[in-house]
Amino acid sequence: MSAWEPWSPAYAPHVLGRYTVREFDPETGLAEEQQVEATCSRCHATFQRRCASGLVRDHIARFALVHTHRDPLQAERIERPTSLRRHRGPDGDYE
């Protein structure tokens, strides 16, 4: 059994993922399948899969996107200074 590498995305540190180190078959030179596991420490959901593509961090990141546990409607509104949108002021006129 190969060693496990831990990894957690920066935007979801409560998602703890790990995957096996990538190994190659000496006869064929092809990569062996890697095992991927992820766990959400907030809702205790788990995810397991085998990956042959080498994109193990993408699998963990996609699991973390589902388990960010944030309501997008409650997020603060970000106004960028380069925005071309016109915003209404308190008197109802455009600024």
PDB file of N, CA and C in Angstrom:
ATOM      1  N   MET A   1       0.845  -1.184   0.000  1.00  0.00           N
ATOM      2  CA  MET A   1       0.000   0.000   0.000  1.00  0.00           C
ATOM      3  C   MET A   1       0.883   1.236   0.000  1.00  0.00           C
ATOM      4  N   SER A   2       0.554   2.202  -0.808  1.00  0.00           N
ATOM      5  CA  SER A   2       1.370   3.410  -0.882  1.00  0.00           C
ATOM      6  C   SER A   2       0.949   4.415   0.194  1.00  0.00           C
ATOM      7  N   ALA A   3       1.769   5.421   0.362  1.00  0.00           N
ATOM      8  CA  ALA A   3       1.542   6.429   1.392  1.00  0.00           C
ATOM      9  C   ALA A   3       0.412   7.372   0.982  1.00  0.00           C
ATOM     10  N   TRP A   4      -0.191   8.003   1.970  1.00  0.00           N
ATOM     11  CA  TRP A   4      -1.276   8.949   1.746  1.00  0.00           C
ATOM     12  C   TRP A   4      -0.759  10.369   1.879  1.00  0.00           C
ATOM     13  N   GLU A   5      -1.241  11.250   0.998  1.00  0.00           N
ATOM     14  CA  GLU A   5      -0.902  12.673   1.034  1.00  0.00           C
ATOM     15  C   GLU A   5      -2.151  13.441   1.462  1.00  0.00           C
ATOM     16  N   PRO A   6      -2.086  14.234   2.530  1.00  0.00           N
ATOM     17  CA  PRO A   6      -3.261  15.041   2.901  1.00  0.00           C
ATOM     18  C   PRO A   6      -3.318  16.321   2.066  1.00  0.00           C
ATOM     19  N   TRP A   7      -4.528  16.804   1.792  1.00  0.00           N
ATOM     20  CA  TRP A   7      -4.705  18.068   1.087  1.00  0.00           C
ATOM     21  C   TRP A   7      -6.088  18.615   1.379  1.00  0.00           C
ATOM     22  N   SER A   8      -6.143  19.917   1.562  1.00  0.00           N
ATOM     23  CA  SER A   8      -7.396  20.608   1.817  1.00  0.00           C
ATOM     24  C   SER A   8      -7.399  21.908   1.019  1.00  0.00           C
ATOM     25  N   PRO A   9      -8.493  22.241   0.308  1.00  0.00           N
ATOM     26  CA  PRO A   9      -8.511  23.488  -0.440  1.00  0.00           C
ATOM     27  C   PRO A   9      -8.533  24.695   0.493  1.00  0.00           C
ATOM     28  N   ALA A  10      -7.963  25.803   0.048  1.00  0.00           N
ATOM     29  CA  ALA A  10      -7.861  27.001   0.884  1.00  0.00           C
ATOM     30  C   ALA A  10      -9.235  27.584   1.205  1.00  0.00           C
ATOM     31  N   TYR A  11     -10.202  27.447   0.304  1.00  0.00           N
ATOM     32  CA  TYR A  11     -11.519  28.028   0.535  1.00  0.00           C
ATOM     33  C   TYR A  11     -12.414  27.157   1.415  1.00  0.00           C
ATOM     34  N   ALA A  12     -11.995  25.945   1.722  1.00  0.00           N
ATOM     35  CA  ALA A  12     -12.781  25.048   2.569  1.00  0.00           C
ATOM     36  C   ALA A  12     -11.842  24.228   3.460  1.00  0.00           C
ATOM     37  N   PRO A  13     -11.244  24.861   4.480  1.00  0.00           N
ATOM     38  CA  PRO A  13     -10.301  24.114   5.324  1.00  0.00           C
ATOM     39  C   PRO A  13     -10.960  23.024   6.171  1.00  0.00           C
ATOM     40  N   HIS A  14     -12.280  23.055   6.293  1.00  0.00           N
ATOM     41  CA  HIS A  14     -12.978  22.025   7.063  1.00  0.00           C
ATOM     42  C   HIS A  14     -13.142  20.727   6.268  1.00  0.00           C
ATOM     43  N   VAL A  15     -12.846  20.755   4.979  1.00  0.00           N
ATOM     44  CA  VAL A  15     -12.875  19.540   4.156  1.00  0.00           C
ATOM     45  C   VAL A  15     -11.475  18.934   4.175  1.00  0.00           C
ATOM     46  N   LEU A  16     -11.387  17.757   4.716  1.00  0.00           N
ATOM     47  CA  LEU A  16     -10.103  17.075   4.838  1.00  0.00           C
ATOM     48  C   LEU A  16     -10.018  15.981   3.782  1.00  0.00           C
ATOM     49  N   GLY A  17      -9.130  16.183   2.841  1.00  0.00           N
ATOM     50  CA  GLY A  17      -8.965  15.207   1.768  1.00  0.00           C
ATOM     51  C   GLY A  17      -7.608  14.541   1.844  1.00  0.00           C
ATOM     52  N   ARG A  18      -7.530  13.367   1.265  1.00  0.00           N
ATOM     53  CA  ARG A  18      -6.240  12.672   1.177  1.00  0.00           C
ATOM     54  C   ARG A  18      -6.279  11.751  -0.033  1.00  0.00           C
ATOM     55  N   TYR A  19      -5.091  11.474  -0.551  1.00  0.00           N
ATOM     56  CA  TYR A  19      -4.984  10.634  -1.739  1.00  0.00           C
ATOM     57  C   TYR A  19      -3.669   9.874  -1.680  1.00  0.00           C
ATOM     58  N   THR A  20      -3.626   8.750  -2.390  1.00  0.00           N
ATOM     59  CA  THR A  20      -2.409   7.952  -2.411  1.00  0.00           C
ATOM     60  C   THR A  20      -1.418   8.559  -3.395  1.00  0.00           C
ATOM     61  N   VAL A  21      -0.155   8.333  -3.132  1.00  0.00           N
ATOM     62  CA  VAL A  21       0.906   8.845  -3.998  1.00  0.00           C
ATOM     63  C   VAL A  21       0.825   8.141  -5.355  1.00  0.00           C
ATOM     64  N   ARG A  22       1.074   8.880  -6.403  1.00  0.00           N
ATOM     65  CA  ARG A  22       0.984   8.307  -7.750  1.00  0.00           C
ATOM     66  C   ARG A  22       2.184   7.401  -8.014  1.00  0.00           C
ATOM     67  N   GLU A  23       1.898   6.187  -8.466  1.00  0.00           N
ATOM     68  CA  GLU A  23       2.939   5.210  -8.780  1.00  0.00           C
ATOM     69  C   GLU A  23       2.764   4.751 -10.224  1.00  0.00           C
ATOM     70  N   PHE A  24       3.860   4.364 -10.816  1.00  0.00           N
ATOM     71  CA  PHE A  24       3.841   3.924 -12.208  1.00  0.00           C
ATOM     72  C   PHE A  24       4.245   2.456 -12.292  1.00  0.00           C
ATOM     73  N   ASP A  25       3.601   1.741 -13.202  1.00  0.00           N
ATOM     74  CA  ASP A  25       3.907   0.338 -13.432  1.00  0.00           C
ATOM     75  C   ASP A  25       5.245   0.272 -14.172  1.00  0.00           C
ATOM     76  N   PRO A  26       6.238  -0.467 -13.635  1.00  0.00           N
ATOM     77  CA  PRO A  26       7.552  -0.506 -14.287  1.00  0.00           C
ATOM     78  C   PRO A  26       7.547  -1.197 -15.657  1.00  0.00           C
ATOM     79  N   GLU A  27       6.621  -2.121 -15.871  1.00  0.00           N
ATOM     80  CA  GLU A  27       6.589  -2.833 -17.141  1.00  0.00           C
ATOM     81  C   GLU A  27       5.956  -2.007 -18.257  1.00  0.00           C
ATOM     82  N   THR A  28       4.815  -1.393 -17.972  1.00  0.00           N
ATOM     83  CA  THR A  28       4.099  -0.657 -19.015  1.00  0.00           C
ATOM     84  C   THR A  28       4.390   0.844 -18.991  1.00  0.00           C
ATOM     85  N   GLY A  29       4.823   1.350 -17.858  1.00  0.00           N
ATOM     86  CA  GLY A  29       5.079   2.780 -17.723  1.00  0.00           C
ATOM     87  C   GLY A  29       3.820   3.603 -17.501  1.00  0.00           C
ATOM     88  N   LEU A  30       2.680   2.934 -17.364  1.00  0.00           N
ATOM     89  CA  LEU A  30       1.420   3.633 -17.137  1.00  0.00           C
ATOM     90  C   LEU A  30       1.204   3.886 -15.649  1.00  0.00           C
ATOM     91  N   ALA A  31       0.459   4.928 -15.340  1.00  0.00           N
ATOM     92  CA  ALA A  31       0.173   5.266 -13.950  1.00  0.00           C
ATOM     93  C   ALA A  31      -0.867   4.311 -13.371  1.00  0.00           C
ATOM     94  N   GLU A  32      -0.649   3.938 -12.121  1.00  0.00           N
ATOM     95  CA  GLU A  32      -1.619   3.106 -11.411  1.00  0.00           C
ATOM     96  C   GLU A  32      -2.757   3.999 -10.906  1.00  0.00           C
ATOM     97  N   GLU A  33      -3.896   3.394 -10.581  1.00  0.00           N
ATOM     98  CA  GLU A  33      -5.010   4.156 -10.036  1.00  0.00           C
ATOM     99  C   GLU A  33      -4.666   4.663  -8.637  1.00  0.00           C
ATOM    100  N   GLN A  34      -5.176   5.844  -8.322  1.00  0.00           N
ATOM    101  CA  GLN A  34      -4.987   6.410  -6.996  1.00  0.00           C
ATOM    102  C   GLN A  34      -6.320   6.386  -6.256  1.00  0.00           C
ATOM    103  N   GLN A  35      -6.260   6.221  -4.952  1.00  0.00           N
ATOM    104  CA  GLN A  35      -7.458   6.280  -4.132  1.00  0.00           C
ATOM    105  C   GLN A  35      -7.599   7.694  -3.590  1.00  0.00           C
ATOM    106  N   VAL A  36      -8.827   8.208  -3.585  1.00  0.00           N
ATOM    107  CA  VAL A  36      -9.115   9.553  -3.106  1.00  0.00           C
ATOM    108  C   VAL A  36     -10.192   9.449  -2.043  1.00  0.00           C
ATOM    109  N   GLU A  37      -9.978  10.143  -0.922  1.00  0.00           N
ATOM    110  CA  GLU A  37     -10.965  10.201   0.146  1.00  0.00           C
ATOM    111  C   GLU A  37     -11.090  11.632   0.616  1.00  0.00           C
ATOM    112  N   ALA A  38     -12.307  12.050   0.950  1.00  0.00           N
ATOM    113  CA  ALA A  38     -12.542  13.390   1.492  1.00  0.00           C
ATOM    114  C   ALA A  38     -13.641  13.297   2.531  1.00  0.00           C
ATOM    115  N   THR A  39     -13.540  14.133   3.557  1.00  0.00           N
ATOM    116  CA  THR A  39     -14.516  14.169   4.634  1.00  0.00           C
ATOM    117  C   THR A  39     -14.804  15.616   4.995  1.00  0.00           C
ATOM    118  N   CYS A  40     -16.061  15.933   5.173  1.00  0.00           N
ATOM    119  CA  CYS A  40     -16.468  17.261   5.631  1.00  0.00           C
ATOM    120  C   CYS A  40     -16.644  17.192   7.147  1.00  0.00           C
ATOM    121  N   SER A  41     -15.921  18.037   7.872  1.00  0.00           N
ATOM    122  CA  SER A  41     -15.994  17.985   9.336  1.00  0.00           C
ATOM    123  C   SER A  41     -17.247  18.681   9.871  1.00  0.00           C
ATOM    124  N   ARG A  42     -17.993  19.404   9.034  1.00  0.00           N
ATOM    125  CA  ARG A  42     -19.220  20.070   9.487  1.00  0.00           C
ATOM    126  C   ARG A  42     -20.440  19.156   9.385  1.00  0.00           C
ATOM    127  N   CYS A  43     -20.616  18.515   8.249  1.00  0.00           N
ATOM    128  CA  CYS A  43     -21.792  17.648   8.086  1.00  0.00           C
ATOM    129  C   CYS A  43     -21.432  16.159   8.103  1.00  0.00           C
ATOM    130  N   HIS A  44     -20.166  15.843   8.210  1.00  0.00           N
ATOM    131  CA  HIS A  44     -19.644  14.471   8.319  1.00  0.00           C
ATOM    132  C   HIS A  44     -19.935  13.616   7.083  1.00  0.00           C
ATOM    133  N   ALA A  45     -20.073  14.253   5.946  1.00  0.00           N
ATOM    134  CA  ALA A  45     -20.234  13.515   4.692  1.00  0.00           C
ATOM    135  C   ALA A  45     -18.863  13.008   4.245  1.00  0.00           C
ATOM    136  N   THR A  46     -18.848  11.880   3.576  1.00  0.00           N
ATOM    137  CA  THR A  46     -17.588  11.307   3.100  1.00  0.00           C
ATOM    138  C   THR A  46     -17.682  11.047   1.602  1.00  0.00           C
ATOM    139  N   PHE A  47     -16.523  10.963   0.995  1.00  0.00           N
ATOM    140  CA  PHE A  47     -16.421  10.755  -0.447  1.00  0.00           C
ATOM    141  C   PHE A  47     -15.221   9.852  -0.691  1.00  0.00           C
ATOM    142  N   GLN A  48     -15.402   8.827  -1.512  1.00  0.00           N
ATOM    143  CA  GLN A  48     -14.313   7.926  -1.878  1.00  0.00           C
ATOM    144  C   GLN A  48     -14.410   7.635  -3.369  1.00  0.00           C
ATOM    145  N   ARG A  49     -13.256   7.554  -3.986  1.00  0.00           N
ATOM    146  CA  ARG A  49     -13.235   7.186  -5.404  1.00  0.00           C
ATOM    147  C   ARG A  49     -11.828   6.773  -5.798  1.00  0.00           C
ATOM    148  N   ARG A  50     -11.733   6.105  -6.930  1.00  0.00           N
ATOM    149  CA  ARG A  50     -10.448   5.750  -7.520  1.00  0.00           C
ATOM    150  C   ARG A  50     -10.259   6.619  -8.744  1.00  0.00           C
ATOM    151  N   CYS A  51      -9.046   7.096  -8.941  1.00  0.00           N
ATOM    152  CA  CYS A  51      -8.778   8.036 -10.022  1.00  0.00           C
ATOM    153  C   CYS A  51      -7.574   7.544 -10.822  1.00  0.00           C
ATOM    154  N   ALA A  52      -7.721   7.466 -12.125  1.00  0.00           N
ATOM    155  CA  ALA A  52      -6.622   7.047 -12.983  1.00  0.00           C
ATOM    156  C   ALA A  52      -6.024   8.215 -13.753  1.00  0.00           C
ATOM    157  N   SER A  53      -6.657   9.390 -13.670  1.00  0.00           N
ATOM    158  CA  SER A  53      -6.215  10.533 -14.461  1.00  0.00           C
ATOM    159  C   SER A  53      -5.131  11.354 -13.776  1.00  0.00           C
ATOM    160  N   GLY A  54      -4.969  11.213 -12.462  1.00  0.00           N
ATOM    161  CA  GLY A  54      -3.997  12.017 -11.733  1.00  0.00           C
ATOM    162  C   GLY A  54      -4.562  13.331 -11.226  1.00  0.00           C
ATOM    163  N   LEU A  55      -5.840  13.595 -11.474  1.00  0.00           N
ATOM    164  CA  LEU A  55      -6.470  14.839 -11.036  1.00  0.00           C
ATOM    165  C   LEU A  55      -7.162  14.668  -9.685  1.00  0.00           C
ATOM    166  N   VAL A  56      -6.431  14.123  -8.727  1.00  0.00           N
ATOM    167  CA  VAL A  56      -7.026  13.805  -7.437  1.00  0.00           C
ATOM    168  C   VAL A  56      -7.426  15.056  -6.665  1.00  0.00           C
ATOM    169  N   ARG A  57      -6.651  16.123  -6.773  1.00  0.00           N
ATOM    170  CA  ARG A  57      -7.004  17.365  -6.054  1.00  0.00           C
ATOM    171  C   ARG A  57      -8.273  17.988  -6.627  1.00  0.00           C
ATOM    172  N   ASP A  58      -8.514  17.810  -7.905  1.00  0.00           N
ATOM    173  CA  ASP A  58      -9.757  18.322  -8.492  1.00  0.00           C
ATOM    174  C   ASP A  58     -10.974  17.610  -7.923  1.00  0.00           C
ATOM    175  N   HIS A  59     -10.876  16.319  -7.677  1.00  0.00           N
ATOM    176  CA  HIS A  59     -11.984  15.574  -7.082  1.00  0.00           C
ATOM    177  C   HIS A  59     -12.276  16.094  -5.682  1.00  0.00           C
ATOM    178  N   ILE A  60     -11.233  16.336  -4.896  1.00  0.00           N
ATOM    179  CA  ILE A  60     -11.419  16.858  -3.540  1.00  0.00           C
ATOM    180  C   ILE A  60     -11.983  18.274  -3.598  1.00  0.00           C
ATOM    181  N   ALA A  61     -11.501  19.089  -4.534  1.00  0.00           N
ATOM    182  CA  ALA A  61     -11.973  20.468  -4.657  1.00  0.00           C
ATOM    183  C   ALA A  61     -13.446  20.512  -5.053  1.00  0.00           C
ATOM    184  N   ARG A  62     -13.891  19.620  -5.934  1.00  0.00           N
ATOM    185  CA  ARG A  62     -15.300  19.591  -6.322  1.00  0.00           C
ATOM    186  C   ARG A  62     -16.185  19.171  -5.145  1.00  0.00           C
ATOM    187  N   PHE A  63     -15.708  18.217  -4.360  1.00  0.00           N
ATOM    188  CA  PHE A  63     -16.435  17.819  -3.155  1.00  0.00           C
ATOM    189  C   PHE A  63     -16.528  19.000  -2.200  1.00  0.00           C
ATOM    190  N   ALA A  64     -15.444  19.771  -2.070  1.00  0.00           N
ATOM    191  CA  ALA A  64     -15.420  20.915  -1.159  1.00  0.00           C
ATOM    192  C   ALA A  64     -16.361  22.025  -1.621  1.00  0.00           C
ATOM    193  N   LEU A  65     -16.525  22.210  -2.943  1.00  0.00           N
ATOM    194  CA  LEU A  65     -17.452  23.229  -3.440  1.00  0.00           C
ATOM    195  C   LEU A  65     -18.881  22.962  -2.991  1.00  0.00           C
ATOM    196  N   VAL A  66     -19.251  21.697  -2.965  1.00  0.00           N
ATOM    197  CA  VAL A  66     -20.592  21.332  -2.521  1.00  0.00           C
ATOM    198  C   VAL A  66     -20.726  21.519  -1.012  1.00  0.00           C
ATOM    199  N   HIS A  67     -19.629  21.396  -0.294  1.00  0.00           N
ATOM    200  CA  HIS A  67     -19.657  21.435   1.172  1.00  0.00           C
ATOM    201  C   HIS A  67     -19.042  22.716   1.742  1.00  0.00           C
ATOM    202  N   THR A  68     -19.226  23.843   1.074  1.00  0.00           N
ATOM    203  CA  THR A  68     -18.753  25.105   1.648  1.00  0.00           C
ATOM    204  C   THR A  68     -19.695  25.595   2.737  1.00  0.00           C
ATOM    205  N   HIS A  69     -20.944  25.158   2.709  1.00  0.00           N
ATOM    206  CA  HIS A  69     -21.951  25.496   3.726  1.00  0.00           C
ATOM    207  C   HIS A  69     -22.095  27.001   3.896  1.00  0.00           C
ATOM    208  N   ARG A  70     -22.195  27.722   2.778  1.00  0.00           N
ATOM    209  CA  ARG A  70     -22.434  29.165   2.787  1.00  0.00           C
ATOM    210  C   ARG A  70     -23.655  29.459   1.930  1.00  0.00           C
ATOM    211  N   ASP A  71     -24.442  30.396   2.391  1.00  0.00           N
ATOM    212  CA  ASP A  71     -25.602  30.829   1.618  1.00  0.00           C
ATOM    213  C   ASP A  71     -25.173  31.999   0.740  1.00  0.00           C
ATOM    214  N   PRO A  72     -25.184  31.864  -0.575  1.00  0.00           N
ATOM    215  CA  PRO A  72     -24.720  32.955  -1.427  1.00  0.00           C
ATOM    216  C   PRO A  72     -25.601  34.204  -1.335  1.00  0.00           C
ATOM    217  N   LEU A  73     -26.853  34.050  -0.934  1.00  0.00           N
ATOM    218  CA  LEU A  73     -27.727  35.210  -0.812  1.00  0.00           C
ATOM    219  C   LEU A  73     -27.415  36.038   0.441  1.00  0.00           C
ATOM    220  N   GLN A  74     -26.739  35.435   1.407  1.00  0.00           N
ATOM    221  CA  GLN A  74     -26.382  36.152   2.627  1.00  0.00           C
ATOM    222  C   GLN A  74     -24.998  36.780   2.546  1.00  0.00           C
ATOM    223  N   ALA A  75     -24.286  36.554   1.480  1.00  0.00           N
ATOM    224  CA  ALA A  75     -22.931  37.086   1.339  1.00  0.00           C
ATOM    225  C   ALA A  75     -22.979  38.595   1.109  1.00  0.00           C
ATOM    226  N   GLU A  76     -21.916  39.260   1.511  1.00  0.00           N
ATOM    227  CA  GLU A  76     -21.832  40.700   1.305  1.00  0.00           C
ATOM    228  C   GLU A  76     -21.731  40.995  -0.183  1.00  0.00           C
ATOM    229  N   ARG A  77     -22.299  42.119  -0.576  1.00  0.00           N
ATOM    230  CA  ARG A  77     -22.211  42.533  -1.977  1.00  0.00           C
ATOM    231  C   ARG A  77     -20.882  43.241  -2.191  1.00  0.00           C
ATOM    232  N   ILE A  78     -20.190  42.839  -3.217  1.00  0.00           N
ATOM    233  CA  ILE A  78     -18.887  43.423  -3.518  1.00  0.00           C
ATOM    234  C   ILE A  78     -19.061  44.383  -4.682  1.00  0.00           C
ATOM    235  N   GLU A  79     -18.700  45.620  -4.464  1.00  0.00           N
ATOM    236  CA  GLU A  79     -18.726  46.597  -5.552  1.00  0.00           C
ATOM    237  C   GLU A  79     -17.306  46.881  -5.970  1.00  0.00           C
ATOM    238  N   ARG A  80     -17.039  46.632  -7.219  1.00  0.00           N
ATOM    239  CA  ARG A  80     -15.700  46.867  -7.731  1.00  0.00           C
ATOM    240  C   ARG A  80     -15.625  48.276  -8.305  1.00  0.00           C
ATOM    241  N   PRO A  81     -14.527  48.967  -8.108  1.00  0.00           N
ATOM    242  CA  PRO A  81     -14.446  50.350  -8.599  1.00  0.00           C
ATOM    243  C   PRO A  81     -14.485  50.452 -10.120  1.00  0.00           C
ATOM    244  N   THR A  82     -14.192  49.387 -10.815  1.00  0.00           N
ATOM    245  CA  THR A  82     -14.203  49.430 -12.282  1.00  0.00           C
ATOM    246  C   THR A  82     -15.544  49.023 -12.862  1.00  0.00           C
ATOM    247  N   SER A  83     -16.536  48.784 -11.997  1.00  0.00           N
ATOM    248  CA  SER A  83     -17.847  48.356 -12.472  1.00  0.00           C
ATOM    249  C   SER A  83     -18.518  49.485 -13.243  1.00  0.00           C
ATOM    250  N   LEU A  84     -19.153  49.157 -14.354  1.00  0.00           N
ATOM    251  CA  LEU A  84     -19.854  50.136 -15.169  1.00  0.00           C
ATOM    252  C   LEU A  84     -21.332  50.243 -14.791  1.00  0.00           C
ATOM    253  N   ARG A  85     -21.747  49.481 -13.793  1.00  0.00           N
ATOM    254  CA  ARG A  85     -23.132  49.547 -13.357  1.00  0.00           C
ATOM    255  C   ARG A  85     -23.380  50.862 -12.624  1.00  0.00           C
ATOM    256  N   ARG A  86     -24.552  51.375 -12.829  1.00  0.00           N
ATOM    257  CA  ARG A  86     -24.915  52.589 -12.097  1.00  0.00           C
ATOM    258  C   ARG A  86     -25.818  52.171 -10.949  1.00  0.00           C
ATOM    259  N   HIS A  87     -25.563  52.700  -9.781  1.00  0.00           N
ATOM    260  CA  HIS A  87     -26.317  52.321  -8.593  1.00  0.00           C
ATOM    261  C   HIS A  87     -27.210  53.481  -8.164  1.00  0.00           C
ATOM    262  N   ARG A  88     -28.371  53.159  -7.708  1.00  0.00           N
ATOM    263  CA  ARG A  88     -29.298  54.173  -7.219  1.00  0.00           C
ATOM    264  C   ARG A  88     -28.873  54.618  -5.821  1.00  0.00           C
ATOM    265  N   GLY A  89     -28.941  55.908  -5.615  1.00  0.00           N
ATOM    266  CA  GLY A  89     -28.632  56.489  -4.328  1.00  0.00           C
ATOM    267  C   GLY A  89     -29.826  56.406  -3.391  1.00  0.00           C
ATOM    268  N   PRO A  90     -29.713  56.966  -2.177  1.00  0.00           N
ATOM    269  CA  PRO A  90     -30.812  56.899  -1.204  1.00  0.00           C
ATOM    270  C   PRO A  90     -32.052  57.673  -1.661  1.00  0.00           C
ATOM    271  N   ASP A  91     -31.879  58.682  -2.520  1.00  0.00           N
ATOM    272  CA  ASP A  91     -33.042  59.442  -3.002  1.00  0.00           C
ATOM    273  C   ASP A  91     -33.678  58.811  -4.239  1.00  0.00           C
ATOM    274  N   GLY A  92     -33.167  57.691  -4.729  1.00  0.00           N
ATOM    275  CA  GLY A  92     -33.723  56.977  -5.859  1.00  0.00           C
ATOM    276  C   GLY A  92     -33.117  57.334  -7.191  1.00  0.00           C
ATOM    277  N   ASP A  93     -32.272  58.381  -7.227  1.00  0.00           N
ATOM    278  CA  ASP A  93     -31.609  58.774  -8.474  1.00  0.00           C
ATOM    279  C   ASP A  93     -30.319  58.000  -8.638  1.00  0.00           C
ATOM    280  N   TYR A  94     -29.881  57.922  -9.882  1.00  0.00           N
ATOM    281  CA  TYR A  94     -28.604  57.272 -10.151  1.00  0.00           C
ATOM    282  C   TYR A  94     -27.471  58.176  -9.678  1.00  0.00           C
ATOM    283  N   GLU A  95     -26.433  57.570  -9.169  1.00  0.00           N
ATOM    284  CA  GLU A  95     -25.279  58.335  -8.681  1.00  0.00           C
ATOM    285  C   GLU A  95     -24.355  58.716  -9.809  1.00  0.00           C
TER     286      GLU A  95
END
